[in-house]
Structure formats: structure tokens, C-alpha cells
Protein backbone atom coordinates (compact mmCIF):
# COMPACT_ATOMS: atom_id res chain seq x y z
CA MET A 1 105.74 99.26 118.26
CA GLY A 2 107.25 102.13 116.33
CA VAL A 3 105.27 103.83 113.61
CA ALA A 4 105.58 101.92 110.34
CA ARG A 5 106.94 103.69 107.32
CA GLY A 6 107.95 102.82 103.79
CA ILE A 7 106.40 99.84 102.08
CA GLU A 8 105.61 96.21 102.68
CA SER A 9 107.42 94.12 100.09
CA GLY A 10 105.50 90.95 99.40
CA GLY A 11 105.86 87.93 97.18
CA ASP A 12 106.06 89.64 93.83
CA ASN A 13 109.25 88.55 92.12
CA ASP A 14 109.06 91.37 89.55
CA GLY A 15 110.17 88.94 86.89
CA PHE A 16 113.16 87.70 88.91
CA SER A 17 113.92 83.99 88.62
CA MET A 18 116.24 82.75 91.36
CA ASP A 19 118.77 80.40 89.74
CA GLN A 20 119.83 77.61 92.12
CA PRO A 21 123.57 77.65 91.17
CA ASP A 22 123.63 81.43 91.72
CA LEU A 23 121.96 81.01 95.11
CA LEU A 24 124.45 78.32 96.13
CA GLY A 25 127.31 80.54 95.05
CA ALA A 26 126.01 83.40 97.17
CA ALA A 27 125.48 81.04 100.12
CA ALA A 28 129.07 79.81 99.82
CA SER A 29 130.24 83.42 100.09
CA GLU A 30 128.08 83.99 103.16
CA LEU A 31 129.42 80.85 104.85
CA ASN A 32 132.95 82.25 104.82
CA ALA A 33 132.33 84.32 107.96
CA PRO A 34 131.01 81.52 110.24
CA LEU A 35 133.67 79.11 108.95
CA VAL A 36 136.41 81.59 109.82
CA LEU A 37 134.85 82.03 113.28
CA LEU A 38 134.72 78.24 113.76
CA ARG A 39 138.42 78.02 112.92
CA GLN A 40 139.26 80.77 115.40
CA LEU A 41 137.21 79.09 118.13
CA SER A 42 138.88 75.75 117.45
CA LEU A 43 142.33 77.32 117.73
CA ALA A 44 141.33 79.07 120.95
CA LEU A 45 140.15 75.79 122.47
CA ALA A 46 143.56 74.25 121.78
CA ASP A 47 145.07 76.56 124.41
CA GLU A 48 145.87 74.28 127.35
CA THR A 49 145.95 77.21 129.78
CA LEU A 50 142.22 77.91 129.43
CA GLY A 51 140.14 77.81 132.58
CA VAL A 52 137.08 75.61 132.90
CA ASP A 53 134.57 78.45 132.51
CA GLU A 54 136.28 79.93 129.46
CA ARG A 55 136.57 76.52 127.83
CA ARG A 56 132.87 75.91 128.45
CA ARG A 57 131.98 79.30 126.97
CA LEU A 58 134.05 78.72 123.83
CA THR A 59 132.66 75.21 123.41
CA GLU A 60 129.11 76.52 123.61
CA GLN A 61 129.87 79.27 121.12
CA LEU A 62 131.46 76.71 118.78
CA ALA A 63 128.34 74.51 118.90
CA LEU A 64 125.91 77.39 118.38
CA THR A 65 127.94 78.85 115.49
CA SER A 66 128.07 75.40 113.88
CA GLU A 67 124.29 75.03 114.20
CA ARG A 68 123.71 78.45 112.64
CA ALA A 69 126.00 77.65 109.70
CA LEU A 70 124.27 74.30 109.22
CA ARG A 71 120.87 76.00 109.16
CA LEU A 72 122.03 78.25 106.32
CA ALA A 73 123.47 75.26 104.45
CA ARG A 74 120.25 73.26 104.87
CA HIS A 75 118.20 76.30 103.90
CA VAL A 76 119.68 76.43 100.41
CA GLY A 77 120.87 72.86 99.91
CA SER A 78 117.59 71.33 98.73
CA HIS A 79 116.55 71.70 95.10
CA PRO A 80 113.29 73.66 94.61
CA GLU A 81 111.67 70.97 92.45
CA ASP A 82 112.46 68.24 94.98
CA THR A 83 111.13 70.39 97.82
CA PHE A 84 107.91 71.08 95.93
CA MET A 85 107.37 67.35 95.30
CA ARG A 86 107.67 66.65 99.05
CA LEU A 87 105.32 69.42 100.18
CA ALA A 88 102.88 68.25 102.86
CA LEU A 89 100.34 71.02 103.32
CA GLU A 90 98.27 70.68 106.49
CA PRO A 91 96.52 72.77 109.15
CA VAL A 92 99.16 74.30 111.44
CA ASN A 93 98.54 75.95 114.81
CA ALA A 94 100.35 79.29 114.51
CA MET A 95 101.09 79.84 118.20
CA MET A 96 102.35 76.31 118.77
CA LEU A 97 104.67 76.66 115.78
CA CYS A 98 106.01 79.97 117.09
CA GLN A 99 106.74 78.38 120.46
CA GLU A 100 108.73 75.64 118.73
CA VAL A 101 110.77 78.32 116.96
CA ILE A 102 111.38 80.08 120.30
CA ASN A 103 112.58 76.82 121.88
CA GLU A 104 115.04 76.25 119.03
CA LEU A 105 116.45 79.78 119.01
CA GLN A 106 116.50 80.62 122.73
CA PRO A 107 119.93 79.04 123.46
CA LEU A 108 121.52 80.99 120.61
CA PHE A 109 119.94 84.26 121.75
CA ALA A 110 120.91 83.67 125.38
CA ALA A 111 124.52 83.03 124.39
CA HIS A 112 124.58 86.49 122.81
CA GLY A 113 122.88 88.21 125.73
CA GLN A 114 119.62 88.54 123.77
CA SER A 115 116.10 87.20 124.17
CA ILE A 116 113.25 86.26 121.85
CA VAL A 117 109.60 85.96 122.90
CA VAL A 118 106.17 85.26 121.44
CA ARG A 119 103.62 88.05 121.59
CA GLN A 120 100.70 86.16 123.10
CA ARG A 121 97.16 86.31 121.75
CA ALA A 122 93.86 84.96 123.03
CA LYS A 123 93.14 82.67 120.09
CA SER A 124 95.62 80.68 118.04
CA PRO A 125 94.60 80.64 114.36
CA LEU A 126 95.16 77.69 112.06
CA LEU A 127 96.94 78.22 108.77
CA VAL A 128 97.74 75.99 105.81
CA ALA A 129 101.44 75.19 105.35
CA ASP A 130 104.14 72.56 105.28
CA ARG A 131 104.99 72.68 108.98
CA SER A 132 108.70 71.89 108.67
CA LEU A 133 109.25 74.38 105.83
CA LEU A 134 107.40 77.19 107.60
CA ARG A 135 109.36 76.52 110.78
CA ARG A 136 112.58 76.74 108.73
CA VAL A 137 111.49 80.11 107.34
CA LEU A 138 110.70 81.53 110.79
CA VAL A 139 113.94 80.22 112.30
CA GLY A 140 115.78 81.98 109.47
CA PHE A 141 113.99 85.23 110.30
CA GLY A 142 114.97 84.75 113.95
CA ASP A 143 118.61 84.09 113.02
CA ASN A 144 118.67 87.36 111.12
CA ALA A 145 117.22 89.25 114.11
CA LEU A 146 119.77 87.84 116.56
CA HIS A 147 121.68 91.08 117.17
CA TYR A 148 118.73 93.47 116.94
CA GLY A 149 116.99 93.29 120.29
CA SER A 150 117.77 94.56 123.79
CA GLY A 151 116.91 93.88 127.40
CA ASP A 152 113.80 96.06 127.33
CA LYS A 153 112.96 95.36 123.69
CA PRO A 154 113.37 91.64 122.98
CA VAL A 155 112.90 90.25 119.48
CA GLN A 156 109.27 89.16 119.13
CA LEU A 157 107.36 86.56 117.14
CA ILE A 158 103.99 88.06 116.21
CA VAL A 159 100.83 86.35 114.99
CA GLU A 160 98.03 88.33 113.34
CA ALA A 161 94.99 86.96 111.53
CA ASN A 162 91.91 87.93 109.57
CA ALA A 163 89.34 85.99 107.57
CA GLN A 164 91.69 85.42 104.63
CA ARG A 165 95.23 85.04 105.96
CA VAL A 166 97.45 84.47 108.98
CA ARG A 167 100.56 86.62 109.30
CA LEU A 168 103.57 85.38 111.28
CA GLY A 169 106.32 87.94 111.75
CA VAL A 170 109.62 88.48 113.54
CA ARG A 171 109.86 92.02 114.95
CA ASP A 172 113.32 93.41 115.65
CA TYR A 173 114.80 96.78 116.63
CA GLY A 174 117.76 96.95 114.26
CA PRO A 175 118.86 99.50 111.64
CA SER A 176 116.37 100.56 109.00
CA VAL A 177 115.80 98.33 105.98
CA PRO A 178 115.92 100.00 102.52
CA ALA A 179 112.72 100.10 100.51
CA ASP A 180 114.49 98.39 97.58
CA MET A 181 115.88 95.58 99.75
CA TRP A 182 114.54 92.75 97.56
CA GLN A 183 115.96 94.27 94.36
CA ARG A 184 119.37 94.70 95.99
CA LEU A 185 119.43 91.10 97.16
CA GLU A 186 118.33 89.82 93.75
CA GLY A 187 121.16 91.75 92.11
CA ARG A 188 123.74 90.27 94.44
CA VAL A 189 122.55 86.69 94.06
CA SER A 190 122.79 87.00 90.28
CA ARG A 191 126.49 87.85 90.80
CA ARG A 192 126.92 84.99 93.31
CA ALA A 193 128.18 87.54 95.83
CA ALA A 194 127.84 87.45 99.60
CA MET A 195 124.49 88.92 100.55
CA PRO A 196 124.46 90.65 103.92
CA LEU A 197 121.31 92.65 104.44
CA PRO A 198 121.95 96.37 103.79
CA ARG A 199 123.01 98.05 107.07
CA ARG A 200 122.77 94.62 108.80
CA PRO A 201 126.07 92.87 107.99
CA GLN A 202 125.41 89.84 110.21
CA ALA A 203 122.05 89.03 108.61
CA SER A 204 121.68 86.68 105.64
CA GLY A 205 120.16 87.86 102.39
CA VAL A 206 120.40 84.30 101.05
CA SER A 207 118.06 83.04 103.79
CA LEU A 208 115.56 85.80 102.99
CA LEU A 209 115.42 84.95 99.28
CA LYS A 210 115.17 81.25 100.08
CA ALA A 211 112.41 82.00 102.60
CA ARG A 212 110.49 83.83 99.87
CA GLN A 213 110.90 80.88 97.51
CA LEU A 214 109.75 78.31 100.09
CA THR A 215 106.80 80.42 101.23
CA GLU A 216 105.55 80.93 97.69
CA MET A 217 105.71 77.14 97.16
CA MET A 218 103.25 76.86 100.06
CA GLY A 219 100.90 79.44 98.54
CA GLY A 220 101.97 82.33 100.78
CA ASN A 221 104.11 85.40 100.42
CA VAL A 222 106.96 87.06 102.31
CA GLY A 223 107.45 90.73 103.09
CA VAL A 224 108.93 93.30 105.44
CA THR A 225 107.36 96.19 107.30
CA ARG A 226 109.75 99.06 107.97
CA HIS A 227 109.44 100.80 111.34
CA ARG A 228 111.16 103.86 112.77
CA ASP A 229 112.89 101.56 115.23
CA GLY A 230 113.43 98.34 113.32
CA ALA A 231 111.61 95.97 110.99
CA THR A 232 109.14 93.09 110.93
CA PHE A 233 109.88 90.28 108.48
CA PHE A 234 106.70 88.31 107.90
CA VAL A 235 104.95 85.56 106.00
CA ASN A 236 101.30 85.63 104.98
CA MET A 237 99.68 82.19 104.84
CA GLN A 238 96.18 81.06 103.94
CA VAL A 239 93.76 80.51 106.82
CA SER A 240 92.80 76.88 107.37
CA GLY A 241 89.15 75.94 107.04
CA GLN A 242 89.43 73.75 110.13
CA LEU A 243 88.49 75.13 113.53
CA SER A 244 91.21 75.21 116.19
CA LEU A 245 90.29 73.32 119.35
CA LEU A 246 92.99 75.13 121.35
């Protein structure tokens, strides 16, 4: 791993209150790009001269692009108060959850010539979270890292733990992330503007702000560690008092 630099930006909102209509407006702007791509793919598939292999490739890309757009839509579609009322906090095995995330994202990464792996550890800590919400957060981190790995440096899911918290992170090797990333994203959502991550135009700022909101509902916090050769987007969650049997 490259030497870390800059700061880790955690769950402090600095007085920022994320208004749901503003977030939905920003998400609508972000959805323009995948919707345009879906239209282009649909038009390409209408070409009757396509060979079998090319038609299969376009069909797969159409399905994966649709799934990615739907994940963004689902990520912001639920109202915060309703989500909070449905929270089901429970002990969650961190490594098992990461493997589920890998299984969901691997087809998308493979279609783009990328790979995503779990950095293995001897013991799998238990954390306290709503399993489905935390999985959604990590899948969003993985989506954002899609284009920022390579053959010798795949995107990694990382699990670290101490007596107080479990950290789950997605390590990529993309362009540097600005130290004021959160403030920039907050400014754009207040204007209901599209929110690509600075220097990472294919990543979603909306999903990052929504991830922070969901994680804080579960009693955790979100942050980013800046490296010389990429970034690690992470969540810190409370350690469970139960002992893992795995």
C-alpha cells in the first residue's frame, strides 16, 4: 500500500444538513450519463448485422449498466426517516459480508477488465450494523472504484479491527482525492448539480454522501484515506460484544 497522506475525513457533517430533495436532484443529474449509455446500447443492439459475440457483449453491458443505475436510484430513493424506522442492527461477520459484496460486483468488474478481491485476515471480527444497509454502502464504494484498479493492483476490500471499532474499506489506485472532498460534494448537492468525484468523473458523489448518511444512522462514520497511489474509502462500525465462532 502506498504511503498515506492528507487527512481522513470522517462522519463530521460540519453543520451540513443533507436535504432529500436536493439529493434527489443531484442524483437525477448523475443518472443522465448511464441513461444515455443505455440508449446508445439499445440502438446498437437494433443493428441486424451484429454477430453473435458482439450482440452478447452489448447485451451483457446493457444489463450491467442497468444494474449500476438501479443501485444509484435505490441508494437515494428511500427517505431517511423511513430507513431509520426500519433499521435492524445485529452482529455482522465482516469477512462474510465483504465476500457477498465481491460476489455482487465481480461480474461488473470482469466486464470492464478489472478485478476486486478481499484482503484475507486470520480472524473475522463481528460488528454491529444493519446488514443490508452496510452491504449497500460497500457496494457503492466498489462501484466508485470500478475503473481504478489494474491487473497487478486489483481493487481490494479491507477489514481492520481493534477493541472499539471495525473498519471496512475499499482500496483503489485511482487519481488523488482532494482533502476538501466532502465540502465540495456538499456544495454541489445544495445546488442539485451532478456530483462526480473530483478528478474521478465516473464516480458518484451522491452515493458517497448517501453512504455517510446511512452509516451514521447505524452509529458509524465514513471517511477516506488519501494515498500516493489512490484512496481507501471506509466505514468505521462498532465492534459487536458477541464472539465470532468462525
